[in-house]
């Protein structure tokens, strides 16, 4: 199975392929990392890619399957994180230069839960500065894979672009005033915005904690490679 097939498989299809032995998590991760290497220099969805970390995680998950251990609900699923979710040992920049390079001391709770379920974190995704309305002038903003002249949505822009272009299977975004709804609409995606408080905000850089939601972007449609290659 080639890259084009792998990156557009839905979560349940990836899980079935892993369970049946048709794909290893390592093969899935390499397909996504290869696609990121090829397309992200143009699309600019990622602020950082955790290639080594993702490969180590894939090897560990494949070893669990070989050992006959129970597989988590997201075993081997490639996920991108909006760059306001803490990852232990990595800086959280929230689309700005003001936070510096100090590494987070622990994972955001949502990252812990994703990894407990077996997800593979591919990296951090670009966003507007502080999750507000515009990208920091020092950053190259993400490019809509359907049409580079079109808007990418508001602060979860990198999350929308990454999912629409097959650079991760699903991505986390946040919504305070529209930042899951607008990228979903602009990039042709589905967005899940849970009831406020259902998903913990611990370890997530705040914009307005009384309104912030952790959200999910996902798709079953593929953008045409000819648009952005």
C-alpha atoms as a PDB file:
ATOM      1  CA  UNK A   1       0.000   0.000   0.000  1.00  0.00           C
ATOM      2  CA  UNK A   2       1.464   3.330  -1.086  1.00  0.00           C
ATOM      3  CA  UNK A   3       1.552   6.737   0.552  1.00  0.00           C
ATOM      4  CA  UNK A   4      -1.520   8.015  -1.305  1.00  0.00           C
ATOM      5  CA  UNK A   5      -3.610   5.108  -0.011  1.00  0.00           C
ATOM      6  CA  UNK A   6      -2.273   5.181   3.547  1.00  0.00           C
ATOM      7  CA  UNK A   7      -2.670   8.887   4.262  1.00  0.00           C
ATOM      8  CA  UNK A   8      -6.337   8.927   3.258  1.00  0.00           C
ATOM      9  CA  UNK A   9      -7.403   5.906   5.308  1.00  0.00           C
ATOM     10  CA  UNK A  10      -9.880   6.751   8.051  1.00  0.00           C
ATOM     11  CA  UNK A  11      -9.167   5.857  11.676  1.00  0.00           C
ATOM     12  CA  UNK A  12     -11.147   2.609  11.542  1.00  0.00           C
ATOM     13  CA  UNK A  13      -9.466   1.619   8.263  1.00  0.00           C
ATOM     14  CA  UNK A  14      -5.995   2.214   9.698  1.00  0.00           C
ATOM     15  CA  UNK A  15      -6.927   0.240  12.807  1.00  0.00           C
ATOM     16  CA  UNK A  16      -8.195  -2.666  10.716  1.00  0.00           C
ATOM     17  CA  UNK A  17      -5.017  -2.678   8.601  1.00  0.00           C
ATOM     18  CA  UNK A  18      -2.864  -2.717  11.750  1.00  0.00           C
ATOM     19  CA  UNK A  19      -4.899  -5.456  13.426  1.00  0.00           C
ATOM     20  CA  UNK A  20      -4.797  -7.612  10.296  1.00  0.00           C
ATOM     21  CA  UNK A  21      -1.055  -7.087   9.868  1.00  0.00           C
ATOM     22  CA  UNK A  22      -1.488  -5.381   6.492  1.00  0.00           C
ATOM     23  CA  UNK A  23       0.306  -2.296   7.824  1.00  0.00           C
ATOM     24  CA  UNK A  24       2.651  -1.640  10.708  1.00  0.00           C
ATOM     25  CA  UNK A  25       2.555   1.602  12.642  1.00  0.00           C
ATOM     26  CA  UNK A  26       6.102   2.234  11.394  1.00  0.00           C
ATOM     27  CA  UNK A  27       4.916   2.034   7.782  1.00  0.00           C
ATOM     28  CA  UNK A  28       2.055   4.420   8.501  1.00  0.00           C
ATOM     29  CA  UNK A  29       4.330   6.924  10.214  1.00  0.00           C
ATOM     30  CA  UNK A  30       6.874   6.800   7.379  1.00  0.00           C
ATOM     31  CA  UNK A  31       4.125   7.469   4.836  1.00  0.00           C
ATOM     32  CA  UNK A  32       3.043  10.585   6.715  1.00  0.00           C
ATOM     33  CA  UNK A  33       6.580  11.811   7.389  1.00  0.00           C
ATOM     34  CA  UNK A  34       7.424  11.385   3.717  1.00  0.00           C
ATOM     35  CA  UNK A  35       4.366  13.345   2.695  1.00  0.00           C
ATOM     36  CA  UNK A  36       5.193  16.093   5.188  1.00  0.00           C
ATOM     37  CA  UNK A  37       8.723  16.296   3.792  1.00  0.00           C
ATOM     38  CA  UNK A  38       7.342  16.607   0.274  1.00  0.00           C
ATOM     39  CA  UNK A  39       4.402  18.969   0.762  1.00  0.00           C
ATOM     40  CA  UNK A  40       4.896  20.993   3.915  1.00  0.00           C
ATOM     41  CA  UNK A  41       7.644  23.238   2.495  1.00  0.00           C
ATOM     42  CA  UNK A  42       4.821  24.650   0.350  1.00  0.00           C
ATOM     43  CA  UNK A  43       1.870  24.286   2.708  1.00  0.00           C
ATOM     44  CA  UNK A  44       3.629  25.440   5.895  1.00  0.00           C
ATOM     45  CA  UNK A  45       1.197  23.623   8.224  1.00  0.00           C
ATOM     46  CA  UNK A  46       3.763  22.409  10.784  1.00  0.00           C
ATOM     47  CA  UNK A  47       5.739  24.579  13.146  1.00  0.00           C
ATOM     48  CA  UNK A  48       7.816  21.531  14.153  1.00  0.00           C
ATOM     49  CA  UNK A  49       7.834  17.866  13.150  1.00  0.00           C
ATOM     50  CA  UNK A  50       8.764  15.258  15.763  1.00  0.00           C
ATOM     51  CA  UNK A  51      10.164  12.756  13.261  1.00  0.00           C
ATOM     52  CA  UNK A  52      12.503  10.871  15.623  1.00  0.00           C
ATOM     53  CA  UNK A  53       9.953  10.863  18.409  1.00  0.00           C
ATOM     54  CA  UNK A  54       7.244   9.555  16.046  1.00  0.00           C
ATOM     55  CA  UNK A  55       9.490   6.759  14.768  1.00  0.00           C
ATOM     56  CA  UNK A  56      10.391   5.675  18.298  1.00  0.00           C
ATOM     57  CA  UNK A  57       6.725   5.700  19.233  1.00  0.00           C
ATOM     58  CA  UNK A  58       5.833   3.624  16.155  1.00  0.00           C
ATOM     59  CA  UNK A  59       8.440   0.996  17.040  1.00  0.00           C
ATOM     60  CA  UNK A  60       7.124   0.748  20.592  1.00  0.00           C
ATOM     61  CA  UNK A  61       3.519   0.406  19.396  1.00  0.00           C
ATOM     62  CA  UNK A  62       4.447  -2.279  16.871  1.00  0.00           C
ATOM     63  CA  UNK A  63       6.247  -4.181  19.621  1.00  0.00           C
ATOM     64  CA  UNK A  64       3.075  -4.094  21.737  1.00  0.00           C
ATOM     65  CA  UNK A  65       1.082  -5.651  18.921  1.00  0.00           C
ATOM     66  CA  UNK A  66       3.672  -8.381  18.320  1.00  0.00           C
ATOM     67  CA  UNK A  67       3.614  -9.166  22.034  1.00  0.00           C
ATOM     68  CA  UNK A  68      -0.146  -9.602  21.910  1.00  0.00           C
ATOM     69  CA  UNK A  69      -0.880  -6.662  24.198  1.00  0.00           C
ATOM     70  CA  UNK A  70      -4.302  -4.974  23.993  1.00  0.00           C
ATOM     71  CA  UNK A  71      -4.331  -2.144  21.478  1.00  0.00           C
ATOM     72  CA  UNK A  72      -5.624   1.302  22.419  1.00  0.00           C
ATOM     73  CA  UNK A  73      -8.551   3.005  20.740  1.00  0.00           C
ATOM     74  CA  UNK A  74      -6.168   5.177  18.673  1.00  0.00           C
ATOM     75  CA  UNK A  75      -3.339   2.661  18.274  1.00  0.00           C
ATOM     76  CA  UNK A  76      -1.003   3.960  15.565  1.00  0.00           C
ATOM     77  CA  UNK A  77      -3.163   6.891  14.486  1.00  0.00           C
ATOM     78  CA  UNK A  78      -1.062   9.920  13.371  1.00  0.00           C
ATOM     79  CA  UNK A  79      -2.143  13.127  15.112  1.00  0.00           C
ATOM     80  CA  UNK A  80      -1.033  16.750  14.773  1.00  0.00           C
ATOM     81  CA  UNK A  81      -1.286  19.181  17.685  1.00  0.00           C
ATOM     82  CA  UNK A  82      -2.047  22.873  17.535  1.00  0.00           C
ATOM     83  CA  UNK A  83       1.025  24.592  18.970  1.00  0.00           C
ATOM     84  CA  UNK A  84      -0.602  25.597  22.227  1.00  0.00           C
ATOM     85  CA  UNK A  85      -0.741  22.059  23.667  1.00  0.00           C
ATOM     86  CA  UNK A  86       2.185  21.270  25.958  1.00  0.00           C
ATOM     87  CA  UNK A  87       4.434  18.340  25.064  1.00  0.00           C
ATOM     88  CA  UNK A  88       6.947  17.453  27.768  1.00  0.00           C
ATOM     89  CA  UNK A  89      10.472  18.484  26.819  1.00  0.00           C
ATOM     90  CA  UNK A  90       9.332  20.672  23.927  1.00  0.00           C
ATOM     91  CA  UNK A  91       8.585  24.416  23.833  1.00  0.00           C
ATOM     92  CA  UNK A  92       5.006  25.603  23.430  1.00  0.00           C
ATOM     93  CA  UNK A  93       5.073  28.725  21.264  1.00  0.00           C
ATOM     94  CA  UNK A  94       1.371  29.454  20.664  1.00  0.00           C
ATOM     95  CA  UNK A  95       2.177  31.155  17.382  1.00  0.00           C
ATOM     96  CA  UNK A  96       4.316  33.845  19.008  1.00  0.00           C
ATOM     97  CA  UNK A  97       7.946  34.577  19.862  1.00  0.00           C
ATOM     98  CA  UNK A  98       7.079  35.940  23.317  1.00  0.00           C
ATOM     99  CA  UNK A  99       7.096  32.567  25.103  1.00  0.00           C
ATOM    100  CA  UNK A 100      10.699  31.719  24.248  1.00  0.00           C
ATOM    101  CA  UNK A 101      12.157  28.242  23.984  1.00  0.00           C
ATOM    102  CA  UNK A 102      11.702  26.920  27.520  1.00  0.00           C
ATOM    103  CA  UNK A 103      10.443  23.335  27.306  1.00  0.00           C
ATOM    104  CA  UNK A 104       7.166  22.269  28.866  1.00  0.00           C
ATOM    105  CA  UNK A 105       7.620  20.265  32.068  1.00  0.00           C
ATOM    106  CA  UNK A 106       4.778  17.849  31.341  1.00  0.00           C
ATOM    107  CA  UNK A 107       2.252  16.968  28.694  1.00  0.00           C
ATOM    108  CA  UNK A 108      -1.088  18.674  28.422  1.00  0.00           C
ATOM    109  CA  UNK A 109      -3.740  16.305  29.704  1.00  0.00           C
ATOM    110  CA  UNK A 110      -5.155  15.870  26.218  1.00  0.00           C
ATOM    111  CA  UNK A 111      -1.707  14.765  24.982  1.00  0.00           C
ATOM    112  CA  UNK A 112      -1.469  12.213  27.801  1.00  0.00           C
ATOM    113  CA  UNK A 113      -4.882  10.875  26.877  1.00  0.00           C
ATOM    114  CA  UNK A 114      -4.038  10.633  23.190  1.00  0.00           C
ATOM    115  CA  UNK A 115      -0.839   8.750  23.910  1.00  0.00           C
ATOM    116  CA  UNK A 116      -2.579   6.476  26.423  1.00  0.00           C
ATOM    117  CA  UNK A 117      -4.975   5.560  23.601  1.00  0.00           C
ATOM    118  CA  UNK A 118      -2.035   4.731  21.299  1.00  0.00           C
ATOM    119  CA  UNK A 119      -1.872   7.833  19.097  1.00  0.00           C
ATOM    120  CA  UNK A 120       1.374   8.940  17.439  1.00  0.00           C
ATOM    121  CA  UNK A 121       2.091  12.672  17.754  1.00  0.00           C
ATOM    122  CA  UNK A 122       3.691  13.834  14.505  1.00  0.00           C
ATOM    123  CA  UNK A 123       4.384  17.407  15.577  1.00  0.00           C
ATOM    124  CA  UNK A 124       3.005  20.855  16.330  1.00  0.00           C
ATOM    125  CA  UNK A 125       0.865  22.802  13.862  1.00  0.00           C
ATOM    126  CA  UNK A 126       0.997  26.516  13.120  1.00  0.00           C
ATOM    127  CA  UNK A 127      -1.578  28.923  14.486  1.00  0.00           C
ATOM    128  CA  UNK A 128      -2.278  32.624  14.716  1.00  0.00           C
ATOM    129  CA  UNK A 129      -0.373  34.537  17.376  1.00  0.00           C
ATOM    130  CA  UNK A 130      -1.766  33.728  20.805  1.00  0.00           C
ATOM    131  CA  UNK A 131      -4.780  32.055  19.125  1.00  0.00           C
ATOM    132  CA  UNK A 132      -6.085  35.484  18.160  1.00  0.00           C
ATOM    133  CA  UNK A 133      -6.689  36.869  14.652  1.00  0.00           C
ATOM    134  CA  UNK A 134      -3.396  37.056  12.720  1.00  0.00           C
ATOM    135  CA  UNK A 135      -0.155  35.139  12.250  1.00  0.00           C
ATOM    136  CA  UNK A 136       3.039  36.520  13.741  1.00  0.00           C
ATOM    137  CA  UNK A 137       4.947  38.485  11.083  1.00  0.00           C
ATOM    138  CA  UNK A 138       8.043  36.322  11.534  1.00  0.00           C
ATOM    139  CA  UNK A 139       6.132  33.164  10.514  1.00  0.00           C
ATOM    140  CA  UNK A 140       5.143  31.951   7.078  1.00  0.00           C
ATOM    141  CA  UNK A 141       1.403  31.273   7.415  1.00  0.00           C
ATOM    142  CA  UNK A 142      -0.193  27.996   6.290  1.00  0.00           C
ATOM    143  CA  UNK A 143      -1.489  27.709   2.722  1.00  0.00           C
ATOM    144  CA  UNK A 144      -4.917  26.338   1.858  1.00  0.00           C
ATOM    145  CA  UNK A 145      -4.294  23.092  -0.102  1.00  0.00           C
ATOM    146  CA  UNK A 146      -7.458  23.460  -2.166  1.00  0.00           C
ATOM    147  CA  UNK A 147      -6.574  26.928  -3.423  1.00  0.00           C
ATOM    148  CA  UNK A 148      -3.581  28.953  -2.196  1.00  0.00           C
ATOM    149  CA  UNK A 149      -5.559  32.165  -2.688  1.00  0.00           C
ATOM    150  CA  UNK A 150      -8.218  31.059  -0.204  1.00  0.00           C
ATOM    151  CA  UNK A 151      -8.410  31.651   3.548  1.00  0.00           C
ATOM    152  CA  UNK A 152      -7.293  28.878   5.909  1.00  0.00           C
ATOM    153  CA  UNK A 153      -9.573  29.850   8.779  1.00  0.00           C
ATOM    154  CA  UNK A 154      -8.642  31.570  11.987  1.00  0.00           C
ATOM    155  CA  UNK A 155      -6.232  30.385  14.685  1.00  0.00           C
ATOM    156  CA  UNK A 156      -6.327  26.604  14.031  1.00  0.00           C
ATOM    157  CA  UNK A 157      -5.130  27.264  10.484  1.00  0.00           C
ATOM    158  CA  UNK A 158      -2.260  24.767  10.548  1.00  0.00           C
ATOM    159  CA  UNK A 159      -4.560  22.057  11.888  1.00  0.00           C
ATOM    160  CA  UNK A 160      -7.023  22.623   9.059  1.00  0.00           C
ATOM    161  CA  UNK A 161      -4.350  22.606   6.359  1.00  0.00           C
ATOM    162  CA  UNK A 162      -2.589  19.514   7.733  1.00  0.00           C
ATOM    163  CA  UNK A 163      -5.727  17.384   7.789  1.00  0.00           C
ATOM    164  CA  UNK A 164      -7.000  18.609   4.413  1.00  0.00           C
ATOM    165  CA  UNK A 165      -3.652  17.809   2.779  1.00  0.00           C
ATOM    166  CA  UNK A 166      -3.176  14.383   4.368  1.00  0.00           C
ATOM    167  CA  UNK A 167      -0.315  15.458   6.623  1.00  0.00           C
ATOM    168  CA  UNK A 168      -1.973  13.784   9.623  1.00  0.00           C
ATOM    169  CA  UNK A 169      -5.101  11.692  10.036  1.00  0.00           C
ATOM    170  CA  UNK A 170      -6.662  14.003  12.607  1.00  0.00           C
ATOM    171  CA  UNK A 171      -5.548  17.194  14.316  1.00  0.00           C
ATOM    172  CA  UNK A 172      -6.331  18.983  17.528  1.00  0.00           C
ATOM    173  CA  UNK A 173      -7.381  22.593  17.341  1.00  0.00           C
ATOM    174  CA  UNK A 174      -9.017  24.967  19.767  1.00  0.00           C
ATOM    175  CA  UNK A 175     -12.105  27.123  19.420  1.00  0.00           C
ATOM    176  CA  UNK A 176     -12.723  30.289  21.411  1.00  0.00           C
ATOM    177  CA  UNK A 177     -14.563  32.421  18.875  1.00  0.00           C
ATOM    178  CA  UNK A 178     -14.634  30.260  15.757  1.00  0.00           C
ATOM    179  CA  UNK A 179     -11.230  28.612  15.457  1.00  0.00           C
ATOM    180  CA  UNK A 180     -12.512  25.099  14.817  1.00  0.00           C
ATOM    181  CA  UNK A 181     -15.509  26.118  12.745  1.00  0.00           C
ATOM    182  CA  UNK A 182     -13.712  28.501  10.388  1.00  0.00           C
ATOM    183  CA  UNK A 183     -10.730  26.248   9.491  1.00  0.00           C
ATOM    184  CA  UNK A 184     -13.127  23.325   9.012  1.00  0.00           C
ATOM    185  CA  UNK A 185     -15.243  25.359   6.592  1.00  0.00           C
ATOM    186  CA  UNK A 186     -12.276  26.938   4.805  1.00  0.00           C
ATOM    187  CA  UNK A 187     -10.430  23.636   4.317  1.00  0.00           C
ATOM    188  CA  UNK A 188     -13.395  21.352   3.591  1.00  0.00           C
ATOM    189  CA  UNK A 189     -13.252  19.419   6.872  1.00  0.00           C
ATOM    190  CA  UNK A 190     -15.456  18.197   9.662  1.00  0.00           C
ATOM    191  CA  UNK A 191     -14.864  19.719  13.080  1.00  0.00           C
ATOM    192  CA  UNK A 192     -15.931  18.361  16.459  1.00  0.00           C
ATOM    193  CA  UNK A 193     -16.433  21.034  19.136  1.00  0.00           C
ATOM    194  CA  UNK A 194     -17.360  19.335  22.436  1.00  0.00           C
ATOM    195  CA  UNK A 195     -19.337  20.891  25.254  1.00  0.00           C
ATOM    196  CA  UNK A 196     -17.165  23.312  27.202  1.00  0.00           C
ATOM    197  CA  UNK A 197     -15.324  21.482  29.973  1.00  0.00           C
ATOM    198  CA  UNK A 198     -15.749  17.985  28.528  1.00  0.00           C
ATOM    199  CA  UNK A 199     -12.087  18.007  27.453  1.00  0.00           C
ATOM    200  CA  UNK A 200      -9.497  19.267  29.930  1.00  0.00           C
ATOM    201  CA  UNK A 201      -7.641  22.482  29.166  1.00  0.00           C
ATOM    202  CA  UNK A 202      -4.770  21.641  31.544  1.00  0.00           C
ATOM    203  CA  UNK A 203      -1.511  22.339  29.758  1.00  0.00           C
ATOM    204  CA  UNK A 204      -3.169  24.287  26.920  1.00  0.00           C
ATOM    205  CA  UNK A 205      -2.134  27.924  26.405  1.00  0.00           C
ATOM    206  CA  UNK A 206      -5.270  29.983  27.121  1.00  0.00           C
ATOM    207  CA  UNK A 207      -6.975  32.717  25.159  1.00  0.00           C
ATOM    208  CA  UNK A 208     -10.163  32.903  27.241  1.00  0.00           C
ATOM    209  CA  UNK A 209     -10.543  29.914  29.534  1.00  0.00           C
ATOM    210  CA  UNK A 210     -14.287  30.445  29.961  1.00  0.00           C
ATOM    211  CA  UNK A 211     -14.721  30.010  26.183  1.00  0.00           C
ATOM    212  CA  UNK A 212     -11.758  27.851  25.066  1.00  0.00           C
ATOM    213  CA  UNK A 213     -12.570  24.389  23.728  1.00  0.00           C
ATOM    214  CA  UNK A 214     -10.211  21.611  22.642  1.00  0.00           C
ATOM    215  CA  UNK A 215     -11.524  20.416  19.287  1.00  0.00           C
ATOM    216  CA  UNK A 216     -10.884  17.808  16.610  1.00  0.00           C
ATOM    217  CA  UNK A 217     -10.550  18.236  12.842  1.00  0.00           C
ATOM    218  CA  UNK A 218     -10.940  15.283  10.497  1.00  0.00           C
ATOM    219  CA  UNK A 219     -11.897  14.472   6.906  1.00  0.00           C
ATOM    220  CA  UNK A 220     -12.823  11.714   4.501  1.00  0.00           C
ATOM    221  CA  UNK A 221     -11.999  13.754   1.393  1.00  0.00           C
ATOM    222  CA  UNK A 222      -8.646  14.199  -0.320  1.00  0.00           C
ATOM    223  CA  UNK A 223      -7.351  17.461  -1.725  1.00  0.00           C
ATOM    224  CA  UNK A 224      -6.005  17.128  -5.276  1.00  0.00           C
ATOM    225  CA  UNK A 225      -2.204  16.971  -5.186  1.00  0.00           C
ATOM    226  CA  UNK A 226      -2.043  19.069  -8.351  1.00  0.00           C
ATOM    227  CA  UNK A 227      -3.188  22.086  -6.362  1.00  0.00           C
ATOM    228  CA  UNK A 228      -0.086  22.282  -4.215  1.00  0.00           C
ATOM    229  CA  UNK A 229       2.680  20.145  -5.691  1.00  0.00           C
END
